[in-house]
Structure formats: structure tokens, C-alpha cells
mmCIF file of all heavy atoms, coordinates in Angstrom:
data_MODEL
# 
_entry.id   MODEL 
# 
loop_
_atom_site.group_PDB 
_atom_site.id 
_atom_site.type_symbol 
_atom_site.label_atom_id 
_atom_site.label_alt_id 
_atom_site.label_comp_id 
_atom_site.label_asym_id 
_atom_site.label_entity_id 
_atom_site.label_seq_id 
_atom_site.pdbx_PDB_ins_code 
_atom_site.Cartn_x 
_atom_site.Cartn_y 
_atom_site.Cartn_z 
_atom_site.occupancy 
_atom_site.B_iso_or_equiv 
_atom_site.pdbx_formal_charge 
_atom_site.auth_seq_id 
_atom_site.auth_comp_id 
_atom_site.auth_asym_id 
_atom_site.auth_atom_id 
_atom_site.pdbx_PDB_model_num 
ATOM 1   N N   . GLN A 1 1  ? 122.686 102.116 116.180 1.00 0.00 ? 1  GLN A N   1 
ATOM 2   C CA  . GLN A 1 1  ? 122.621 102.001 114.694 1.00 0.00 ? 1  GLN A CA  1 
ATOM 3   C C   . GLN A 1 1  ? 122.474 103.363 114.095 1.00 0.00 ? 1  GLN A C   1 
ATOM 4   O O   . GLN A 1 1  ? 123.131 103.663 113.048 1.00 0.00 ? 1  GLN A O   1 
ATOM 5   C CB  . GLN A 1 1  ? 121.454 101.100 114.328 1.00 0.00 ? 1  GLN A CB  1 
ATOM 6   C CG  . GLN A 1 1  ? 121.678 99.610  114.590 1.00 0.00 ? 1  GLN A CG  1 
ATOM 7   C CD  . GLN A 1 1  ? 120.402 98.863  114.287 1.00 0.00 ? 1  GLN A CD  1 
ATOM 8   O OE1 . GLN A 1 1  ? 119.482 98.874  115.123 1.00 0.00 ? 1  GLN A OE1 1 
ATOM 9   N NE2 . GLN A 1 1  ? 120.340 98.160  113.213 1.00 0.00 ? 1  GLN A NE2 1 
ATOM 10  N N   . GLN A 1 2  ? 121.657 104.221 114.675 1.00 0.00 ? 2  GLN A N   1 
ATOM 11  C CA  . GLN A 1 2  ? 121.464 105.562 114.106 1.00 0.00 ? 2  GLN A CA  1 
ATOM 12  C C   . GLN A 1 2  ? 122.756 106.379 114.213 1.00 0.00 ? 2  GLN A C   1 
ATOM 13  O O   . GLN A 1 2  ? 123.111 107.091 113.265 1.00 0.00 ? 2  GLN A O   1 
ATOM 14  C CB  . GLN A 1 2  ? 120.342 106.292 114.937 1.00 0.00 ? 2  GLN A CB  1 
ATOM 15  C CG  . GLN A 1 2  ? 118.993 105.605 114.744 1.00 0.00 ? 2  GLN A CG  1 
ATOM 16  C CD  . GLN A 1 2  ? 117.957 106.131 115.690 1.00 0.00 ? 2  GLN A CD  1 
ATOM 17  O OE1 . GLN A 1 2  ? 117.869 107.281 115.947 1.00 0.00 ? 2  GLN A OE1 1 
ATOM 18  N NE2 . GLN A 1 2  ? 117.164 105.226 116.321 1.00 0.00 ? 2  GLN A NE2 1 
ATOM 19  N N   . GLU A 1 3  ? 123.435 106.258 115.380 1.00 0.00 ? 3  GLU A N   1 
ATOM 20  C CA  . GLU A 1 3  ? 124.687 107.051 115.513 1.00 0.00 ? 3  GLU A CA  1 
ATOM 21  C C   . GLU A 1 3  ? 125.778 106.556 114.574 1.00 0.00 ? 3  GLU A C   1 
ATOM 22  O O   . GLU A 1 3  ? 126.452 107.351 113.956 1.00 0.00 ? 3  GLU A O   1 
ATOM 23  C CB  . GLU A 1 3  ? 125.157 106.843 117.001 1.00 0.00 ? 3  GLU A CB  1 
ATOM 24  C CG  . GLU A 1 3  ? 126.450 107.589 117.319 1.00 0.00 ? 3  GLU A CG  1 
ATOM 25  C CD  . GLU A 1 3  ? 126.324 109.102 117.342 1.00 0.00 ? 3  GLU A CD  1 
ATOM 26  O OE1 . GLU A 1 3  ? 125.165 109.580 117.422 1.00 0.00 ? 3  GLU A OE1 1 
ATOM 27  O OE2 . GLU A 1 3  ? 127.328 109.803 117.255 1.00 0.00 ? 3  GLU A OE2 1 
ATOM 28  N N   . GLU A 1 4  ? 125.879 105.203 114.416 1.00 0.00 ? 4  GLU A N   1 
ATOM 29  C CA  . GLU A 1 4  ? 126.890 104.719 113.433 1.00 0.00 ? 4  GLU A CA  1 
ATOM 30  C C   . GLU A 1 4  ? 126.625 105.146 112.069 1.00 0.00 ? 4  GLU A C   1 
ATOM 31  O O   . GLU A 1 4  ? 127.573 105.521 111.334 1.00 0.00 ? 4  GLU A O   1 
ATOM 32  C CB  . GLU A 1 4  ? 126.945 103.164 113.572 1.00 0.00 ? 4  GLU A CB  1 
ATOM 33  C CG  . GLU A 1 4  ? 127.999 102.630 112.634 1.00 0.00 ? 4  GLU A CG  1 
ATOM 34  C CD  . GLU A 1 4  ? 128.008 101.068 112.609 1.00 0.00 ? 4  GLU A CD  1 
ATOM 35  O OE1 . GLU A 1 4  ? 126.900 100.488 112.548 1.00 0.00 ? 4  GLU A OE1 1 
ATOM 36  O OE2 . GLU A 1 4  ? 129.095 100.469 112.577 1.00 0.00 ? 4  GLU A OE2 1 
ATOM 37  N N   . LEU A 1 5  ? 125.376 105.063 111.635 1.00 0.00 ? 5  LEU A N   1 
ATOM 38  C CA  . LEU A 1 5  ? 125.035 105.439 110.243 1.00 0.00 ? 5  LEU A CA  1 
ATOM 39  C C   . LEU A 1 5  ? 125.428 106.939 109.962 1.00 0.00 ? 5  LEU A C   1 
ATOM 40  O O   . LEU A 1 5  ? 126.019 107.216 108.991 1.00 0.00 ? 5  LEU A O   1 
ATOM 41  C CB  . LEU A 1 5  ? 123.598 105.215 109.978 1.00 0.00 ? 5  LEU A CB  1 
ATOM 42  C CG  . LEU A 1 5  ? 123.098 105.542 108.577 1.00 0.00 ? 5  LEU A CG  1 
ATOM 43  C CD1 . LEU A 1 5  ? 123.899 104.761 107.526 1.00 0.00 ? 5  LEU A CD1 1 
ATOM 44  C CD2 . LEU A 1 5  ? 121.579 105.307 108.436 1.00 0.00 ? 5  LEU A CD2 1 
ATOM 45  N N   . LYS A 1 6  ? 125.084 107.756 110.948 1.00 0.00 ? 6  LYS A N   1 
ATOM 46  C CA  . LYS A 1 6  ? 125.417 109.217 110.796 1.00 0.00 ? 6  LYS A CA  1 
ATOM 47  C C   . LYS A 1 6  ? 126.848 109.420 110.712 1.00 0.00 ? 6  LYS A C   1 
ATOM 48  O O   . LYS A 1 6  ? 127.342 110.186 109.895 1.00 0.00 ? 6  LYS A O   1 
ATOM 49  C CB  . LYS A 1 6  ? 124.738 110.004 111.997 1.00 0.00 ? 6  LYS A CB  1 
ATOM 50  C CG  . LYS A 1 6  ? 124.898 111.507 111.908 1.00 0.00 ? 6  LYS A CG  1 
ATOM 51  C CD  . LYS A 1 6  ? 124.068 112.169 112.911 1.00 0.00 ? 6  LYS A CD  1 
ATOM 52  C CE  . LYS A 1 6  ? 124.393 111.729 114.348 1.00 0.00 ? 6  LYS A CE  1 
ATOM 53  N NZ  . LYS A 1 6  ? 123.552 112.463 115.355 1.00 0.00 ? 6  LYS A NZ  1 
ATOM 54  N N   . LYS A 1 7  ? 127.629 108.759 111.574 1.00 0.00 ? 7  LYS A N   1 
ATOM 55  C CA  . LYS A 1 7  ? 129.063 108.910 111.626 1.00 0.00 ? 7  LYS A CA  1 
ATOM 56  C C   . LYS A 1 7  ? 129.770 108.322 110.337 1.00 0.00 ? 7  LYS A C   1 
ATOM 57  O O   . LYS A 1 7  ? 130.644 108.896 109.836 1.00 0.00 ? 7  LYS A O   1 
ATOM 58  C CB  . LYS A 1 7  ? 129.686 108.343 112.819 1.00 0.00 ? 7  LYS A CB  1 
ATOM 59  C CG  . LYS A 1 7  ? 129.361 109.154 114.095 1.00 0.00 ? 7  LYS A CG  1 
ATOM 60  C CD  . LYS A 1 7  ? 130.104 108.766 115.315 1.00 0.00 ? 7  LYS A CD  1 
ATOM 61  C CE  . LYS A 1 7  ? 129.838 109.752 116.439 1.00 0.00 ? 7  LYS A CE  1 
ATOM 62  N NZ  . LYS A 1 7  ? 130.580 109.402 117.696 1.00 0.00 ? 7  LYS A NZ  1 
ATOM 63  N N   . ASN A 1 8  ? 129.224 107.227 109.900 1.00 0.00 ? 8  ASN A N   1 
ATOM 64  C CA  . ASN A 1 8  ? 129.765 106.604 108.701 1.00 0.00 ? 8  ASN A CA  1 
ATOM 65  C C   . ASN A 1 8  ? 129.573 107.525 107.457 1.00 0.00 ? 8  ASN A C   1 
ATOM 66  O O   . ASN A 1 8  ? 130.416 107.667 106.613 1.00 0.00 ? 8  ASN A O   1 
ATOM 67  C CB  . ASN A 1 8  ? 129.118 105.275 108.409 1.00 0.00 ? 8  ASN A CB  1 
ATOM 68  C CG  . ASN A 1 8  ? 129.795 104.131 109.142 1.00 0.00 ? 8  ASN A CG  1 
ATOM 69  O OD1 . ASN A 1 8  ? 130.916 104.292 109.686 1.00 0.00 ? 8  ASN A OD1 1 
ATOM 70  N ND2 . ASN A 1 8  ? 129.222 102.989 109.126 1.00 0.00 ? 8  ASN A ND2 1 
ATOM 71  N N   . CYS A 1 9  ? 128.387 108.219 107.405 1.00 0.00 ? 9  CYS A N   1 
ATOM 72  C CA  . CYS A 1 9  ? 128.134 109.079 106.313 1.00 0.00 ? 9  CYS A CA  1 
ATOM 73  C C   . CYS A 1 9  ? 129.026 110.296 106.365 1.00 0.00 ? 9  CYS A C   1 
ATOM 74  O O   . CYS A 1 9  ? 129.515 110.823 105.325 1.00 0.00 ? 9  CYS A O   1 
ATOM 75  C CB  . CYS A 1 9  ? 126.631 109.466 106.252 1.00 0.00 ? 9  CYS A CB  1 
ATOM 76  S SG  . CYS A 1 9  ? 125.598 108.102 105.727 1.00 0.00 ? 9  CYS A SG  1 
ATOM 77  N N   . ASN A 1 10 ? 129.381 110.790 107.596 1.00 0.00 ? 10 ASN A N   1 
ATOM 78  C CA  . ASN A 1 10 ? 130.323 111.863 107.747 1.00 0.00 ? 10 ASN A CA  1 
ATOM 79  C C   . ASN A 1 10 ? 131.706 111.451 107.272 1.00 0.00 ? 10 ASN A C   1 
ATOM 80  O O   . ASN A 1 10 ? 132.364 112.189 106.576 1.00 0.00 ? 10 ASN A O   1 
ATOM 81  C CB  . ASN A 1 10 ? 130.387 112.384 109.170 1.00 0.00 ? 10 ASN A CB  1 
ATOM 82  C CG  . ASN A 1 10 ? 129.104 113.102 109.608 1.00 0.00 ? 10 ASN A CG  1 
ATOM 83  O OD1 . ASN A 1 10 ? 128.395 113.666 108.763 1.00 0.00 ? 10 ASN A OD1 1 
ATOM 84  N ND2 . ASN A 1 10 ? 128.839 113.160 110.885 1.00 0.00 ? 10 ASN A ND2 1 
ATOM 85  N N   . LEU A 1 11 ? 132.119 110.275 107.642 1.00 0.00 ? 11 LEU A N   1 
ATOM 86  C CA  . LEU A 1 11 ? 133.395 109.747 107.231 1.00 0.00 ? 11 LEU A CA  1 
ATOM 87  C C   . LEU A 1 11 ? 133.418 109.562 105.685 1.00 0.00 ? 11 LEU A C   1 
ATOM 88  O O   . LEU A 1 11 ? 134.409 109.761 105.018 1.00 0.00 ? 11 LEU A O   1 
ATOM 89  C CB  . LEU A 1 11 ? 133.706 108.393 107.912 1.00 0.00 ? 11 LEU A CB  1 
ATOM 90  C CG  . LEU A 1 11 ? 134.057 108.461 109.346 1.00 0.00 ? 11 LEU A CG  1 
ATOM 91  C CD1 . LEU A 1 11 ? 134.162 107.026 109.934 1.00 0.00 ? 11 LEU A CD1 1 
ATOM 92  C CD2 . LEU A 1 11 ? 135.354 109.171 109.607 1.00 0.00 ? 11 LEU A CD2 1 
ATOM 93  N N   . GLY A 1 12 ? 132.279 109.102 105.189 1.00 0.00 ? 12 GLY A N   1 
ATOM 94  C CA  . GLY A 1 12 ? 132.113 108.883 103.741 1.00 0.00 ? 12 GLY A CA  1 
ATOM 95  C C   . GLY A 1 12 ? 132.342 110.191 102.988 1.00 0.00 ? 12 GLY A C   1 
ATOM 96  O O   . GLY A 1 12 ? 133.013 110.192 101.956 1.00 0.00 ? 12 GLY A O   1 
ATOM 97  N N   . GLN A 1 13 ? 131.733 111.275 103.438 1.00 0.00 ? 13 GLN A N   1 
ATOM 98  C CA  . GLN A 1 13 ? 131.928 112.549 102.733 1.00 0.00 ? 13 GLN A CA  1 
ATOM 99  C C   . GLN A 1 13 ? 133.391 113.012 102.825 1.00 0.00 ? 13 GLN A C   1 
ATOM 100 O O   . GLN A 1 13 ? 133.916 113.562 101.856 1.00 0.00 ? 13 GLN A O   1 
ATOM 101 C CB  . GLN A 1 13 ? 130.958 113.612 103.362 1.00 0.00 ? 13 GLN A CB  1 
ATOM 102 C CG  . GLN A 1 13 ? 131.018 114.914 102.616 1.00 0.00 ? 13 GLN A CG  1 
ATOM 103 C CD  . GLN A 1 13 ? 130.667 114.725 101.097 1.00 0.00 ? 13 GLN A CD  1 
ATOM 104 O OE1 . GLN A 1 13 ? 129.650 114.135 100.744 1.00 0.00 ? 13 GLN A OE1 1 
ATOM 105 N NE2 . GLN A 1 13 ? 131.582 115.110 100.223 1.00 0.00 ? 13 GLN A NE2 1 
ATOM 106 N N   . TYR A 1 14 ? 134.021 112.807 103.984 1.00 0.00 ? 14 TYR A N   1 
ATOM 107 C CA  . TYR A 1 14 ? 135.420 113.175 104.144 1.00 0.00 ? 14 TYR A CA  1 
ATOM 108 C C   . TYR A 1 14 ? 136.293 112.344 103.161 1.00 0.00 ? 14 TYR A C   1 
ATOM 109 O O   . TYR A 1 14 ? 137.200 112.961 102.544 1.00 0.00 ? 14 TYR A O   1 
ATOM 110 C CB  . TYR A 1 14 ? 135.855 112.831 105.563 1.00 0.00 ? 14 TYR A CB  1 
ATOM 111 C CG  . TYR A 1 14 ? 137.271 113.227 105.950 1.00 0.00 ? 14 TYR A CG  1 
ATOM 112 C CD1 . TYR A 1 14 ? 137.599 114.614 106.193 1.00 0.00 ? 14 TYR A CD1 1 
ATOM 113 C CD2 . TYR A 1 14 ? 138.237 112.299 105.980 1.00 0.00 ? 14 TYR A CD2 1 
ATOM 114 C CE1 . TYR A 1 14 ? 138.893 114.921 106.484 1.00 0.00 ? 14 TYR A CE1 1 
ATOM 115 C CE2 . TYR A 1 14 ? 139.565 112.615 106.283 1.00 0.00 ? 14 TYR A CE2 1 
ATOM 116 C CZ  . TYR A 1 14 ? 139.880 113.944 106.518 1.00 0.00 ? 14 TYR A CZ  1 
ATOM 117 O OH  . TYR A 1 14 ? 141.161 114.320 106.794 1.00 0.00 ? 14 TYR A OH  1 
ATOM 118 N N   . ALA A 1 15 ? 135.973 111.053 102.996 1.00 0.00 ? 15 ALA A N   1 
ATOM 119 C CA  . ALA A 1 15 ? 136.728 110.251 102.088 1.00 0.00 ? 15 ALA A CA  1 
ATOM 120 C C   . ALA A 1 15 ? 136.533 110.731 100.649 1.00 0.00 ? 15 ALA A C   1 
ATOM 121 O O   . ALA A 1 15 ? 137.499 110.748 99.839  1.00 0.00 ? 15 ALA A O   1 
ATOM 122 C CB  . ALA A 1 15 ? 136.324 108.803 102.211 1.00 0.00 ? 15 ALA A CB  1 
ATOM 123 N N   . ARG A 1 16 ? 135.305 111.051 100.292 1.00 0.00 ? 16 ARG A N   1 
ATOM 124 C CA  . ARG A 1 16 ? 135.052 111.558 98.897  1.00 0.00 ? 16 ARG A CA  1 
ATOM 125 C C   . ARG A 1 16 ? 135.778 112.874 98.623  1.00 0.00 ? 16 ARG A C   1 
ATOM 126 O O   . ARG A 1 16 ? 136.273 113.076 97.541  1.00 0.00 ? 16 ARG A O   1 
ATOM 127 C CB  . ARG A 1 16 ? 133.547 111.755 98.736  1.00 0.00 ? 16 ARG A CB  1 
ATOM 128 C CG  . ARG A 1 16 ? 132.791 110.447 98.388  1.00 0.00 ? 16 ARG A CG  1 
ATOM 129 C CD  . ARG A 1 16 ? 131.352 110.677 98.182  1.00 0.00 ? 16 ARG A CD  1 
ATOM 130 N NE  . ARG A 1 16 ? 131.080 111.889 97.459  1.00 0.00 ? 16 ARG A NE  1 
ATOM 131 C CZ  . ARG A 1 16 ? 131.254 112.078 96.138  1.00 0.00 ? 16 ARG A CZ  1 
ATOM 132 N NH1 . ARG A 1 16 ? 131.660 111.071 95.444  1.00 0.00 ? 16 ARG A NH1 1 
ATOM 133 N NH2 . ARG A 1 16 ? 130.971 113.223 95.614  1.00 0.00 ? 16 ARG A NH2 1 
ATOM 134 N N   . ASP A 1 17 ? 135.954 113.686 99.631  1.00 0.00 ? 17 ASP A N   1 
ATOM 135 C CA  . ASP A 1 17 ? 136.706 114.942 99.494  1.00 0.00 ? 17 ASP A CA  1 
ATOM 136 C C   . ASP A 1 17 ? 138.139 114.629 99.172  1.00 0.00 ? 17 ASP A C   1 
ATOM 137 O O   . ASP A 1 17 ? 138.848 115.472 98.632  1.00 0.00 ? 17 ASP A O   1 
ATOM 138 C CB  . ASP A 1 17 ? 136.625 115.767 100.761 1.00 0.00 ? 17 ASP A CB  1 
ATOM 139 C CG  . ASP A 1 17 ? 135.159 116.352 100.969 1.00 0.00 ? 17 ASP A CG  1 
ATOM 140 O OD1 . ASP A 1 17 ? 134.438 116.372 100.010 1.00 0.00 ? 17 ASP A OD1 1 
ATOM 141 O OD2 . ASP A 1 17 ? 134.895 116.807 102.125 1.00 0.00 ? 17 ASP A OD2 1 
ATOM 142 N N   . ARG A 1 18 ? 138.581 113.418 99.573  1.00 0.00 ? 18 ARG A N   1 
ATOM 143 C CA  . ARG A 1 18 ? 139.981 112.973 99.301  1.00 0.00 ? 18 ARG A CA  1 
ATOM 144 C C   . ARG A 1 18 ? 140.088 112.181 97.980  1.00 0.00 ? 18 ARG A C   1 
ATOM 145 O O   . ARG A 1 18 ? 141.130 111.605 97.731  1.00 0.00 ? 18 ARG A O   1 
ATOM 146 C CB  . ARG A 1 18 ? 140.469 112.135 100.475 1.00 0.00 ? 18 ARG A CB  1 
ATOM 147 C CG  . ARG A 1 18 ? 140.528 112.871 101.830 1.00 0.00 ? 18 ARG A CG  1 
ATOM 148 C CD  . ARG A 1 18 ? 141.762 113.712 101.923 1.00 0.00 ? 18 ARG A CD  1 
ATOM 149 N NE  . ARG A 1 18 ? 142.957 112.934 101.810 1.00 0.00 ? 18 ARG A NE  1 
ATOM 150 C CZ  . ARG A 1 18 ? 143.561 112.336 102.905 1.00 0.00 ? 18 ARG A CZ  1 
ATOM 151 N NH1 . ARG A 1 18 ? 143.032 112.530 104.141 1.00 0.00 ? 18 ARG A NH1 1 
ATOM 152 N NH2 . ARG A 1 18 ? 144.626 111.636 102.827 1.00 0.00 ? 18 ARG A NH2 1 
ATOM 153 N N   . GLY A 1 19 ? 138.984 112.097 97.260  1.00 0.00 ? 19 GLY A N   1 
ATOM 154 C CA  . GLY A 1 19 ? 139.010 111.408 95.989  1.00 0.00 ? 19 GLY A CA  1 
ATOM 155 C C   . GLY A 1 19 ? 138.745 109.948 95.962  1.00 0.00 ? 19 GLY A C   1 
ATOM 156 O O   . GLY A 1 19 ? 138.965 109.244 95.076  1.00 0.00 ? 19 GLY A O   1 
ATOM 157 N N   . VAL A 1 20 ? 138.195 109.435 97.171  1.00 0.00 ? 20 VAL A N   1 
ATOM 158 C CA  . VAL A 1 20 ? 137.889 108.031 97.292  1.00 0.00 ? 20 VAL A CA  1 
ATOM 159 C C   . VAL A 1 20 ? 136.420 107.825 97.239  1.00 0.00 ? 20 VAL A C   1 
ATOM 160 O O   . VAL A 1 20 ? 135.572 108.467 97.885  1.00 0.00 ? 20 VAL A O   1 
ATOM 161 C CB  . VAL A 1 20 ? 138.434 107.546 98.686  1.00 0.00 ? 20 VAL A CB  1 
ATOM 162 C CG1 . VAL A 1 20 ? 138.000 106.078 98.923  1.00 0.00 ? 20 VAL A CG1 1 
ATOM 163 C CG2 . VAL A 1 20 ? 139.977 107.643 98.782  1.00 0.00 ? 20 VAL A CG2 1 
ATOM 164 N N   . GLN A 1 21 ? 135.976 106.804 96.387  1.00 0.00 ? 21 GLN A N   1 
ATOM 165 C CA  . GLN A 1 21 ? 134.606 106.510 96.276  1.00 0.00 ? 21 GLN A CA  1 
ATOM 166 C C   . GLN A 1 21 ? 134.102 105.740 97.512  1.00 0.00 ? 21 GLN A C   1 
ATOM 167 O O   . GLN A 1 21 ? 134.883 104.958 98.087  1.00 0.00 ? 21 GLN A O   1 
ATOM 168 C CB  . GLN A 1 21 ? 134.305 105.663 94.998  1.00 0.00 ? 21 GLN A CB  1 
ATOM 169 C CG  . GLN A 1 21 ? 134.683 106.371 93.755  1.00 0.00 ? 21 GLN A CG  1 
ATOM 170 C CD  . GLN A 1 21 ? 134.341 105.507 92.526  1.00 0.00 ? 21 GLN A CD  1 
ATOM 171 O OE1 . GLN A 1 21 ? 133.235 105.588 91.975  1.00 0.00 ? 21 GLN A OE1 1 
ATOM 172 N NE2 . GLN A 1 21 ? 135.271 104.657 92.157  1.00 0.00 ? 21 GLN A NE2 1 
ATOM 173 N N   . VAL A 1 22 ? 132.780 105.862 97.826  1.00 0.00 ? 22 VAL A N   1 
ATOM 174 C CA  . VAL A 1 22 ? 132.284 105.347 99.103  1.00 0.00 ? 22 VAL A CA  1 
ATOM 175 C C   . VAL A 1 22 ? 130.979 104.600 98.917  1.00 0.00 ? 22 VAL A C   1 
ATOM 176 O O   . VAL A 1 22 ? 130.090 105.094 98.241  1.00 0.00 ? 22 VAL A O   1 
ATOM 177 C CB  . VAL A 1 22 ? 132.141 106.473 100.132 1.00 0.00 ? 22 VAL A CB  1 
ATOM 178 C CG1 . VAL A 1 22 ? 131.477 105.941 101.420 1.00 0.00 ? 22 VAL A CG1 1 
ATOM 179 C CG2 . VAL A 1 22 ? 133.484 107.129 100.444 1.00 0.00 ? 22 VAL A CG2 1 
ATOM 180 N N   . ILE A 1 23 ? 130.872 103.488 99.621  1.00 0.00 ? 23 ILE A N   1 
ATOM 181 C CA  . ILE A 1 23 ? 129.610 102.742 99.843  1.00 0.00 ? 23 ILE A CA  1 
ATOM 182 C C   . ILE A 1 23 ? 129.359 102.720 101.334 1.00 0.00 ? 23 ILE A C   1 
ATOM 183 O O   . ILE A 1 23 ? 130.275 102.556 102.088 1.00 0.00 ? 23 ILE A O   1 
ATOM 184 C CB  . ILE A 1 23 ? 129.739 101.296 99.237  1.00 0.00 ? 23 ILE A CB  1 
ATOM 185 C CG1 . ILE A 1 23 ? 129.859 101.292 97.765  1.00 0.00 ? 23 ILE A CG1 1 
ATOM 186 C CG2 . ILE A 1 23 ? 128.573 100.417 99.672  1.00 0.00 ? 23 ILE A CG2 1 
ATOM 187 C CD1 . ILE A 1 23 ? 130.251 99.953  97.137  1.00 0.00 ? 23 ILE A CD1 1 
ATOM 188 N N   . ILE A 1 24 ? 128.098 102.848 101.675 1.00 0.00 ? 24 ILE A N   1 
ATOM 189 C CA  . ILE A 1 24 ? 127.735 102.729 103.059 1.00 0.00 ? 24 ILE A CA  1 
ATOM 190 C C   . ILE A 1 24 ? 126.925 101.439 103.304 1.00 0.00 ? 24 ILE A C   1 
ATOM 191 O O   . ILE A 1 24 ? 125.995 101.128 102.599 1.00 0.00 ? 24 ILE A O   1 
ATOM 192 C CB  . ILE A 1 24 ? 126.847 103.914 103.481 1.00 0.00 ? 24 ILE A CB  1 
ATOM 193 C CG1 . ILE A 1 24 ? 127.582 105.261 103.305 1.00 0.00 ? 24 ILE A CG1 1 
ATOM 194 C CG2 . ILE A 1 24 ? 126.410 103.741 104.960 1.00 0.00 ? 24 ILE A CG2 1 
ATOM 195 C CD1 . ILE A 1 24 ? 128.723 105.473 104.250 1.00 0.00 ? 24 ILE A CD1 1 
ATOM 196 N N   . GLU A 1 25 ? 127.347 100.699 104.381 1.00 0.00 ? 25 GLU A N   1 
ATOM 197 C CA  . GLU A 1 25 ? 126.576 99.579  104.781 1.00 0.00 ? 25 GLU A CA  1 
ATOM 198 C C   . GLU A 1 25 ? 125.615 99.944  105.867 1.00 0.00 ? 25 GLU A C   1 
ATOM 199 O O   . GLU A 1 25 ? 126.051 100.573 106.866 1.00 0.00 ? 25 GLU A O   1 
ATOM 200 C CB  . GLU A 1 25 ? 127.490 98.413  105.252 1.00 0.00 ? 25 GLU A CB  1 
ATOM 201 C CG  . GLU A 1 25 ? 128.489 97.931  104.242 1.00 0.00 ? 25 GLU A CG  1 
ATOM 202 C CD  . GLU A 1 25 ? 129.336 96.816  104.665 1.00 0.00 ? 25 GLU A CD  1 
ATOM 203 O OE1 . GLU A 1 25 ? 128.977 96.160  105.667 1.00 0.00 ? 25 GLU A OE1 1 
ATOM 204 O OE2 . GLU A 1 25 ? 130.377 96.549  104.079 1.00 0.00 ? 25 GLU A OE2 1 
ATOM 205 N N   . GLY A 1 26 ? 124.320 99.568  105.721 1.00 0.00 ? 26 GLY A N   1 
ATOM 206 C CA  . GLY A 1 26 ? 123.404 99.957  106.800 1.00 0.00 ? 26 GLY A CA  1 
ATOM 207 C C   . GLY A 1 26 ? 122.037 99.391  106.524 1.00 0.00 ? 26 GLY A C   1 
ATOM 208 O O   . GLY A 1 26 ? 121.769 98.761  105.474 1.00 0.00 ? 26 GLY A O   1 
ATOM 209 N N   . ALA A 1 27 ? 121.162 99.441  107.564 1.00 0.00 ? 27 ALA A N   1 
ATOM 210 C CA  . ALA A 1 27 ? 119.786 98.929  107.488 1.00 0.00 ? 27 ALA A CA  1 
ATOM 211 C C   . ALA A 1 27 ? 119.755 97.442  107.243 1.00 0.00 ? 27 ALA A C   1 
ATOM 212 O O   . ALA A 1 27 ? 118.730 96.903  106.782 1.00 0.00 ? 27 ALA A O   1 
ATOM 213 C CB  . ALA A 1 27 ? 119.015 99.662  106.396 1.00 0.00 ? 27 ALA A CB  1 
ATOM 214 N N   . GLY A 1 28 ? 120.845 96.726  107.535 1.00 0.00 ? 28 GLY A N   1 
ATOM 215 C CA  . GLY A 1 28 ? 120.889 95.280  107.340 1.00 0.00 ? 28 GLY A CA  1 
ATOM 216 C C   . GLY A 1 28 ? 120.747 94.537  108.647 1.00 0.00 ? 28 GLY A C   1 
ATOM 217 O O   . GLY A 1 28 ? 120.319 95.028  109.676 1.00 0.00 ? 28 GLY A O   1 
ATOM 218 N N   . GLY A 1 29 ? 121.075 93.219  108.583 1.00 0.00 ? 29 GLY A N   1 
ATOM 219 C CA  . GLY A 1 29 ? 120.922 92.425  109.820 1.00 0.00 ? 29 GLY A CA  1 
ATOM 220 C C   . GLY A 1 29 ? 119.550 91.821  109.833 1.00 0.00 ? 29 GLY A C   1 
ATOM 221 O O   . GLY A 1 29 ? 118.949 91.395  108.870 1.00 0.00 ? 29 GLY A O   1 
# 
């Protein structure tokens, strides 16, 4: 879970650099 959250946030920043808005799913279940 920790690894996925970190990688998702890195992907999220990359997407935002491309002009795409981002939501992160986490801490659920």
C-alpha cells in the first residue's frame, strides 16, 4: 500500500505536468 501510494503520487505529478487534473485513491478498504 505504501509503495503504490508513493508511485501513484509520482504519476499524478507527471500527469499534472501534462495539464491533466488528478485525484488519488488511497487509505480506503
